[in-house]
PDB file of N, CA and C in Angstrom:
ATOM      1  N   MET A   1       0.842  -1.178   0.000  1.00  0.00           N
ATOM      2  CA  MET A   1       0.000   0.000   0.000  1.00  0.00           C
ATOM      3  C   MET A   1       0.890   1.244   0.000  1.00  0.00           C
ATOM      4  N   LEU A   2       0.583   2.169  -0.866  1.00  0.00           N
ATOM      5  CA  LEU A   2       1.385   3.377  -0.999  1.00  0.00           C
ATOM      6  C   LEU A   2       0.813   4.504  -0.146  1.00  0.00           C
ATOM      7  N   SER A   3       1.702   5.344   0.376  1.00  0.00           N
ATOM      8  CA  SER A   3       1.256   6.538   1.087  1.00  0.00           C
ATOM      9  C   SER A   3       0.831   7.584   0.064  1.00  0.00           C
ATOM     10  N   THR A   4       0.164   8.633   0.523  1.00  0.00           N
ATOM     11  CA  THR A   4      -0.282   9.683  -0.400  1.00  0.00           C
ATOM     12  C   THR A   4       0.909  10.393  -1.029  1.00  0.00           C
ATOM     13  N   THR A   5       1.998  10.533  -0.293  1.00  0.00           N
ATOM     14  CA  THR A   5       3.191  11.174  -0.848  1.00  0.00           C
ATOM     15  C   THR A   5       3.807  10.309  -1.940  1.00  0.00           C
ATOM     16  N   GLU A   6       3.891   9.003  -1.703  1.00  0.00           N
ATOM     17  CA  GLU A   6       4.445   8.093  -2.706  1.00  0.00           C
ATOM     18  C   GLU A   6       3.594   8.107  -3.972  1.00  0.00           C
ATOM     19  N   LYS A   7       2.267   8.135  -3.804  1.00  0.00           N
ATOM     20  CA  LYS A   7       1.380   8.199  -4.963  1.00  0.00           C
ATOM     21  C   LYS A   7       1.594   9.499  -5.733  1.00  0.00           C
ATOM     22  N   ALA A   8       1.729  10.602  -5.005  1.00  0.00           N
ATOM     23  CA  ALA A   8       1.927  11.902  -5.656  1.00  0.00           C
ATOM     24  C   ALA A   8       3.231  11.912  -6.449  1.00  0.00           C
ATOM     25  N   VAL A   9       4.279  11.318  -5.890  1.00  0.00           N
ATOM     26  CA  VAL A   9       5.577  11.255  -6.569  1.00  0.00           C
ATOM     27  C   VAL A   9       5.456  10.429  -7.849  1.00  0.00           C
ATOM     28  N   LEU A  10       4.847   9.248  -7.759  1.00  0.00           N
ATOM     29  CA  LEU A  10       4.694   8.391  -8.937  1.00  0.00           C
ATOM     30  C   LEU A  10       3.832   9.063 -10.007  1.00  0.00           C
ATOM     31  N   GLU A  11       2.741   9.696  -9.588  1.00  0.00           N
ATOM     32  CA  GLU A  11       1.866  10.377 -10.545  1.00  0.00           C
ATOM     33  C   GLU A  11       2.603  11.503 -11.262  1.00  0.00           C
ATOM     34  N   LYS A  12       3.393  12.277 -10.515  1.00  0.00           N
ATOM     35  CA  LYS A  12       4.128  13.378 -11.124  1.00  0.00           C
ATOM     36  C   LYS A  12       5.162  12.854 -12.122  1.00  0.00           C
ATOM     37  N   MET A  13       5.883  11.799 -11.737  1.00  0.00           N
ATOM     38  CA  MET A  13       6.902  11.252 -12.621  1.00  0.00           C
ATOM     39  C   MET A  13       6.268  10.664 -13.886  1.00  0.00           C
ATOM     40  N   LEU A  14       5.107  10.022 -13.760  1.00  0.00           N
ATOM     41  CA  LEU A  14       4.397   9.504 -14.933  1.00  0.00           C
ATOM     42  C   LEU A  14       3.928  10.649 -15.826  1.00  0.00           C
ATOM     43  N   ARG A  15       3.345  11.676 -15.211  1.00  0.00           N
ATOM     44  CA  ARG A  15       2.810  12.810 -15.960  1.00  0.00           C
ATOM     45  C   ARG A  15       3.889  13.497 -16.785  1.00  0.00           C
ATOM     46  N   HIS A  16       5.092  13.599 -16.219  1.00  0.00           N
ATOM     47  CA  HIS A  16       6.199  14.259 -16.911  1.00  0.00           C
ATOM     48  C   HIS A  16       7.007  13.304 -17.796  1.00  0.00           C
ATOM     49  N   GLY A  17       6.707  12.021 -17.728  1.00  0.00           N
ATOM     50  CA  GLY A  17       7.370  11.047 -18.595  1.00  0.00           C
ATOM     51  C   GLY A  17       8.781  10.688 -18.160  1.00  0.00           C
ATOM     52  N   TYR A  18       9.055  10.761 -16.859  1.00  0.00           N
ATOM     53  CA  TYR A  18      10.385  10.388 -16.356  1.00  0.00           C
ATOM     54  C   TYR A  18      10.459   8.871 -16.243  1.00  0.00           C
ATOM     55  N   ILE A  19      10.644   8.230 -17.386  1.00  0.00           N
ATOM     56  CA  ILE A  19      10.657   6.768 -17.459  1.00  0.00           C
ATOM     57  C   ILE A  19      11.932   6.333 -18.170  1.00  0.00           C
ATOM     58  N   GLY A  20      12.637   5.376 -17.567  1.00  0.00           N
ATOM     59  CA  GLY A  20      13.840   4.821 -18.195  1.00  0.00           C
ATOM     60  C   GLY A  20      14.935   5.854 -18.380  1.00  0.00           C
ATOM     61  N   GLY A  21      15.285   6.138 -19.640  1.00  0.00           N
ATOM     62  CA  GLY A  21      16.397   7.039 -19.955  1.00  0.00           C
ATOM     63  C   GLY A  21      16.125   8.500 -19.665  1.00  0.00           C
ATOM     64  N   LYS A  22      14.852   8.889 -19.526  1.00  0.00           N
ATOM     65  CA  LYS A  22      14.536  10.280 -19.200  1.00  0.00           C
ATOM     66  C   LYS A  22      14.409  10.383 -17.690  1.00  0.00           C
ATOM     67  N   HIS A  23      15.282  11.145 -17.071  1.00  0.00           N
ATOM     68  CA  HIS A  23      15.292  11.252 -15.619  1.00  0.00           C
ATOM     69  C   HIS A  23      15.381  12.707 -15.202  1.00  0.00           C
ATOM     70  N   THR A  24      15.194  12.924 -13.902  1.00  0.00           N
ATOM     71  CA  THR A  24      15.247  14.268 -13.350  1.00  0.00           C
ATOM     72  C   THR A  24      15.940  14.222 -11.993  1.00  0.00           C
ATOM     73  N   SER A  25      16.396  15.367 -11.543  1.00  0.00           N
ATOM     74  CA  SER A  25      17.039  15.465 -10.241  1.00  0.00           C
ATOM     75  C   SER A  25      16.012  15.210  -9.148  1.00  0.00           C
ATOM     76  N   GLU A  26      16.442  14.567  -8.079  1.00  0.00           N
ATOM     77  CA  GLU A  26      15.535  14.324  -6.958  1.00  0.00           C
ATOM     78  C   GLU A  26      15.062  15.648  -6.355  1.00  0.00           C
ATOM     79  N   ASP A  27      15.821  16.717  -6.555  1.00  0.00           N
ATOM     80  CA  ASP A  27      15.439  18.026  -6.027  1.00  0.00           C
ATOM     81  C   ASP A  27      14.262  18.628  -6.780  1.00  0.00           C
ATOM     82  N   ASN A  28      13.986  18.158  -7.994  1.00  0.00           N
ATOM     83  CA  ASN A  28      12.873  18.681  -8.781  1.00  0.00           C
ATOM     84  C   ASN A  28      11.542  18.025  -8.443  1.00  0.00           C
ATOM     85  N   ILE A  29      11.557  16.880  -7.811  1.00  0.00           N
ATOM     86  CA  ILE A  29      10.324  16.143  -7.546  1.00  0.00           C
ATOM     87  C   ILE A  29       9.366  16.916  -6.628  1.00  0.00           C
ATOM     88  N   PRO A  30       9.826  17.543  -5.545  1.00  0.00           N
ATOM     89  CA  PRO A  30       8.873  18.247  -4.670  1.00  0.00           C
ATOM     90  C   PRO A  30       8.236  19.487  -5.306  1.00  0.00           C
ATOM     91  N   LYS A  31       8.847  20.037  -6.332  1.00  0.00           N
ATOM     92  CA  LYS A  31       8.310  21.249  -6.962  1.00  0.00           C
ATOM     93  C   LYS A  31       6.918  20.977  -7.516  1.00  0.00           C
ATOM     94  N   GLY A  32       5.997  21.847  -7.200  1.00  0.00           N
ATOM     95  CA  GLY A  32       4.632  21.713  -7.683  1.00  0.00           C
ATOM     96  C   GLY A  32       3.732  20.894  -6.778  1.00  0.00           C
ATOM     97  N   LEU A  33       4.311  20.194  -5.809  1.00  0.00           N
ATOM     98  CA  LEU A  33       3.507  19.446  -4.847  1.00  0.00           C
ATOM     99  C   LEU A  33       3.169  20.370  -3.677  1.00  0.00           C
ATOM    100  N   PRO A  34       2.131  20.050  -2.906  1.00  0.00           N
ATOM    101  CA  PRO A  34       1.784  20.886  -1.756  1.00  0.00           C
ATOM    102  C   PRO A  34       2.956  21.017  -0.785  1.00  0.00           C
ATOM    103  N   LYS A  35       3.068  22.192  -0.164  1.00  0.00           N
ATOM    104  CA  LYS A  35       4.200  22.485   0.733  1.00  0.00           C
ATOM    105  C   LYS A  35       4.334  21.468   1.864  1.00  0.00           C
ATOM    106  N   HIS A  36       3.208  20.977   2.390  1.00  0.00           N
ATOM    107  CA  HIS A  36       3.300  20.049   3.516  1.00  0.00           C
ATOM    108  C   HIS A  36       3.895  18.700   3.116  1.00  0.00           C
ATOM    109  N   MET A  37       4.024  18.418   1.824  1.00  0.00           N
ATOM    110  CA  MET A  37       4.604  17.154   1.359  1.00  0.00           C
ATOM    111  C   MET A  37       6.104  17.247   1.114  1.00  0.00           C
ATOM    112  N   HIS A  38       6.637  18.447   0.993  1.00  0.00           N
ATOM    113  CA  HIS A  38       8.033  18.609   0.597  1.00  0.00           C
ATOM    114  C   HIS A  38       8.998  17.843   1.490  1.00  0.00           C
ATOM    115  N   GLY A  39       8.779  17.829   2.786  1.00  0.00           N
ATOM    116  CA  GLY A  39       9.683  17.134   3.694  1.00  0.00           C
ATOM    117  C   GLY A  39       9.634  15.626   3.558  1.00  0.00           C
ATOM    118  N   GLU A  40       8.522  15.109   3.096  1.00  0.00           N
ATOM    119  CA  GLU A  40       8.335  13.659   3.008  1.00  0.00           C
ATOM    120  C   GLU A  40       8.775  13.078   1.665  1.00  0.00           C
ATOM    121  N   VAL A  41       9.038  13.926   0.684  1.00  0.00           N
ATOM    122  CA  VAL A  41       9.303  13.443  -0.671  1.00  0.00           C
ATOM    123  C   VAL A  41      10.576  12.601  -0.743  1.00  0.00           C
ATOM    124  N   LYS A  42      11.654  13.040  -0.107  1.00  0.00           N
ATOM    125  CA  LYS A  42      12.907  12.263  -0.172  1.00  0.00           C
ATOM    126  C   LYS A  42      12.739  10.898   0.495  1.00  0.00           C
ATOM    127  N   LYS A  43      11.985  10.855   1.603  1.00  0.00           N
ATOM    128  CA  LYS A  43      11.719   9.568   2.257  1.00  0.00           C
ATOM    129  C   LYS A  43      10.908   8.664   1.336  1.00  0.00           C
ATOM    130  N   ALA A  44       9.913   9.255   0.673  1.00  0.00           N
ATOM    131  CA  ALA A  44       9.073   8.486  -0.248  1.00  0.00           C
ATOM    132  C   ALA A  44       9.908   7.963  -1.417  1.00  0.00           C
ATOM    133  N   LEU A  45      10.810   8.804  -1.937  1.00  0.00           N
ATOM    134  CA  LEU A  45      11.674   8.359  -3.037  1.00  0.00           C
ATOM    135  C   LEU A  45      12.540   7.179  -2.615  1.00  0.00           C
ATOM    136  N   ARG A  46      13.097   7.245  -1.400  1.00  0.00           N
ATOM    137  CA  ARG A  46      13.927   6.131  -0.908  1.00  0.00           C
ATOM    138  C   ARG A  46      13.110   4.849  -0.826  1.00  0.00           C
ATOM    139  N   LYS A  47      11.867   4.945  -0.347  1.00  0.00           N
ATOM    140  CA  LYS A  47      11.007   3.764  -0.256  1.00  0.00           C
ATOM    141  C   LYS A  47      10.703   3.200  -1.646  1.00  0.00           C
ATOM    142  N   LEU A  48      10.452   4.090  -2.598  1.00  0.00           N
ATOM    143  CA  LEU A  48      10.130   3.654  -3.956  1.00  0.00           C
ATOM    144  C   LEU A  48      11.342   3.022  -4.640  1.00  0.00           C
ATOM    145  N   VAL A  49      12.544   3.494  -4.321  1.00  0.00           N
ATOM    146  CA  VAL A  49      13.767   2.882  -4.853  1.00  0.00           C
ATOM    147  C   VAL A  49      13.912   1.475  -4.277  1.00  0.00           C
ATOM    148  N   LYS A  50      13.686   1.329  -2.966  1.00  0.00           N
ATOM    149  CA  LYS A  50      13.786   0.008  -2.337  1.00  0.00           C
ATOM    150  C   LYS A  50      12.752  -0.958  -2.906  1.00  0.00           C
ATOM    151  N   ALA A  51      11.581  -0.433  -3.260  1.00  0.00           N
ATOM    152  CA  ALA A  51      10.531  -1.275  -3.835  1.00  0.00           C
ATOM    153  C   ALA A  51      10.811  -1.607  -5.298  1.00  0.00           C
ATOM    154  N   GLY A  52      11.789  -0.936  -5.904  1.00  0.00           N
ATOM    155  CA  GLY A  52      12.156  -1.216  -7.287  1.00  0.00           C
ATOM    156  C   GLY A  52      11.331  -0.476  -8.326  1.00  0.00           C
ATOM    157  N   LEU A  53      10.504   0.461  -7.892  1.00  0.00           N
ATOM    158  CA  LEU A  53       9.661   1.207  -8.832  1.00  0.00           C
ATOM    159  C   LEU A  53      10.392   2.398  -9.428  1.00  0.00           C
ATOM    160  N   VAL A  54      11.323   2.960  -8.663  1.00  0.00           N
ATOM    161  CA  VAL A  54      12.107   4.110  -9.108  1.00  0.00           C
ATOM    162  C   VAL A  54      13.565   3.680  -9.215  1.00  0.00           C
ATOM    163  N   VAL A  55      14.206   4.079 -10.320  1.00  0.00           N
ATOM    164  CA  VAL A  55      15.601   3.717 -10.566  1.00  0.00           C
ATOM    165  C   VAL A  55      16.470   4.949 -10.289  1.00  0.00           C
ATOM    166  N   PRO A  56      17.440   4.835  -9.359  1.00  0.00           N
ATOM    167  CA  PRO A  56      18.339   5.962  -9.111  1.00  0.00           C
ATOM    168  C   PRO A  56      19.511   5.950 -10.086  1.00  0.00           C
ATOM    169  N   LYS A  57      20.013   7.117 -10.405  1.00  0.00           N
ATOM    170  CA  LYS A  57      21.202   7.232 -11.251  1.00  0.00           C
ATOM    171  C   LYS A  57      22.104   8.271 -10.605  1.00  0.00           C
ATOM    172  N   THR A  58      23.264   7.841 -10.157  1.00  0.00           N
ATOM    173  CA  THR A  58      24.206   8.751  -9.529  1.00  0.00           C
ATOM    174  C   THR A  58      25.003   9.477 -10.603  1.00  0.00           C
ATOM    175  N   THR A  59      25.063  10.797 -10.484  1.00  0.00           N
ATOM    176  CA  THR A  59      25.835  11.602 -11.423  1.00  0.00           C
ATOM    177  C   THR A  59      26.813  12.459 -10.628  1.00  0.00           C
ATOM    178  N   SER A  60      27.684  13.155 -11.329  1.00  0.00           N
ATOM    179  CA  SER A  60      28.660  14.011 -10.655  1.00  0.00           C
ATOM    180  C   SER A  60      27.990  15.211  -9.996  1.00  0.00           C
ATOM    181  N   TYR A  61      26.773  15.542 -10.428  1.00  0.00           N
ATOM    182  CA  TYR A  61      26.085  16.716  -9.893  1.00  0.00           C
ATOM    183  C   TYR A  61      24.895  16.360  -9.010  1.00  0.00           C
ATOM    184  N   GLY A  62      24.744  15.093  -8.637  1.00  0.00           N
ATOM    185  CA  GLY A  62      23.678  14.690  -7.726  1.00  0.00           C
ATOM    186  C   GLY A  62      22.934  13.463  -8.199  1.00  0.00           C
ATOM    187  N   LEU A  63      21.890  13.124  -7.471  1.00  0.00           N
ATOM    188  CA  LEU A  63      21.107  11.934  -7.759  1.00  0.00           C
ATOM    189  C   LEU A  63      19.983  12.257  -8.731  1.00  0.00           C
ATOM    190  N   GLU A  64      19.883  11.461  -9.775  1.00  0.00           N
ATOM    191  CA  GLU A  64      18.808  11.571 -10.757  1.00  0.00           C
ATOM    192  C   GLU A  64      17.899  10.353 -10.575  1.00  0.00           C
ATOM    193  N   VAL A  65      16.608  10.517 -10.829  1.00  0.00           N
ATOM    194  CA  VAL A  65      15.666   9.409 -10.666  1.00  0.00           C
ATOM    195  C   VAL A  65      14.748   9.298 -11.875  1.00  0.00           C
ATOM    196  N   SER A  66      14.305   8.070 -12.149  1.00  0.00           N
ATOM    197  CA  SER A  66      13.318   7.813 -13.198  1.00  0.00           C
ATOM    198  C   SER A  66      12.539   6.567 -12.814  1.00  0.00           C
ATOM    199  N   LEU A  67      11.400   6.367 -13.448  1.00  0.00           N
ATOM    200  CA  LEU A  67      10.602   5.175 -13.196  1.00  0.00           C
ATOM    201  C   LEU A  67      11.195   3.998 -13.958  1.00  0.00           C
ATOM    202  N   ASP A  68      11.107   2.812 -13.360  1.00  0.00           N
ATOM    203  CA  ASP A  68      11.586   1.597 -14.020  1.00  0.00           C
ATOM    204  C   ASP A  68      10.620   1.256 -15.159  1.00  0.00           C
ATOM    205  N   PRO A  69      11.103   1.246 -16.409  1.00  0.00           N
ATOM    206  CA  PRO A  69      10.200   0.990 -17.536  1.00  0.00           C
ATOM    207  C   PRO A  69       9.579  -0.403 -17.514  1.00  0.00           C
ATOM    208  N   HIS A  70      10.197  -1.337 -16.828  1.00  0.00           N
ATOM    209  CA  HIS A  70       9.670  -2.696 -16.748  1.00  0.00           C
ATOM    210  C   HIS A  70       8.547  -2.821 -15.723  1.00  0.00           C
ATOM    211  N   LYS A  71       8.346  -1.779 -14.916  1.00  0.00           N
ATOM    212  CA  LYS A  71       7.334  -1.837 -13.852  1.00  0.00           C
ATOM    213  C   LYS A  71       6.180  -0.854 -14.079  1.00  0.00           C
ATOM    214  N   ILE A  72       6.030  -0.346 -15.288  1.00  0.00           N
ATOM    215  CA  ILE A  72       4.995   0.649 -15.564  1.00  0.00           C
ATOM    216  C   ILE A  72       3.591   0.075 -15.328  1.00  0.00           C
ATOM    217  N   LYS A  73       3.342  -1.163 -15.742  1.00  0.00           N
ATOM    218  CA  LYS A  73       2.031  -1.779 -15.510  1.00  0.00           C
ATOM    219  C   LYS A  73       1.735  -1.852 -14.020  1.00  0.00           C
ATOM    220  N   GLU A  74       2.732  -2.288 -13.250  1.00  0.00           N
ATOM    221  CA  GLU A  74       2.576  -2.398 -11.799  1.00  0.00           C
ATOM    222  C   GLU A  74       2.298  -1.027 -11.179  1.00  0.00           C
ATOM    223  N   ILE A  75       2.980   0.000 -11.659  1.00  0.00           N
ATOM    224  CA  ILE A  75       2.784   1.355 -11.140  1.00  0.00           C
ATOM    225  C   ILE A  75       1.366   1.827 -11.434  1.00  0.00           C
ATOM    226  N   HIS A  76       0.875   1.590 -12.647  1.00  0.00           N
ATOM    227  CA  HIS A  76      -0.497   1.980 -12.996  1.00  0.00           C
ATOM    228  C   HIS A  76      -1.510   1.266 -12.102  1.00  0.00           C
ATOM    229  N   GLU A  77      -1.270  -0.010 -11.806  1.00  0.00           N
ATOM    230  CA  GLU A  77      -2.165  -0.770 -10.941  1.00  0.00           C
ATOM    231  C   GLU A  77      -2.163  -0.225  -9.517  1.00  0.00           C
ATOM    232  N   LEU A  78      -0.985   0.146  -9.019  1.00  0.00           N
ATOM    233  CA  LEU A  78      -0.885   0.698  -7.668  1.00  0.00           C
ATOM    234  C   LEU A  78      -1.588   2.045  -7.548  1.00  0.00           C
ATOM    235  N   LEU A  79      -1.620   2.803  -8.625  1.00  0.00           N
ATOM    236  CA  LEU A  79      -2.226   4.134  -8.579  1.00  0.00           C
ATOM    237  C   LEU A  79      -3.748   4.103  -8.744  1.00  0.00           C
ATOM    238  N   ARG A  80      -4.321   2.975  -9.126  1.00  0.00           N
ATOM    239  CA  ARG A  80      -5.783   2.870  -9.261  1.00  0.00           C
ATOM    240  C   ARG A  80      -6.462   2.830  -7.932  1.00  0.00           C
TER     241      ARG A  80
END
């Protein structure tokens, strides 16, 4: 079962198409979400990485994240 913050993160990443090779900085994920969620977003991202739904990519300028393209069906099912 996903928390509301985890659902919001997955929905935003799907909406923007951050899947597979297209990724974004973890610092961009809280932008546009309600202010009360900003503190919980990094925790939610860590949980989603552990669950295998979000793929981290370490770069010289920070952590980039994208959705695992092999788990898109599972993500859609979780968001229903």
